[in-house]
Amino acid sequence: MLKEIMYTGIGAAALLKERVEEEVAKLEERGKIKADDAKTLLESIEQRGREEDEKMKIAFKESLKEAIAELGIATKEDVEKLREDLTSQQ
């Protein structure tokens, strides 16, 4: 399910990028925006997208950690500590 959500987000982002590029190209063709300005605008939008993507990844990881904690699921660290404790008791 998580993969599906991630793939949906990636697909939506790719589609949005394509549509923005098309619209900027139309503005450039009509002379509403200069080629250099169009390039700068697209680069700015792409950078903002990368920043937002990173923020979303961080928020998703935090939400997942909270859900795991609420459910009481053992993490890798929990299992490793238990293993170490058992090994040291022998």
Foldseek 3Di string as FASTA:
>chain_A
DVVVVVVVVVVVVVVVLVVLLVVLVVCCVVVVDPPVRSVVVSVVVVVVVVVVVVVVVVVVVVVVVVVCVVVVPDDPVNVVVVVVVVVVVD
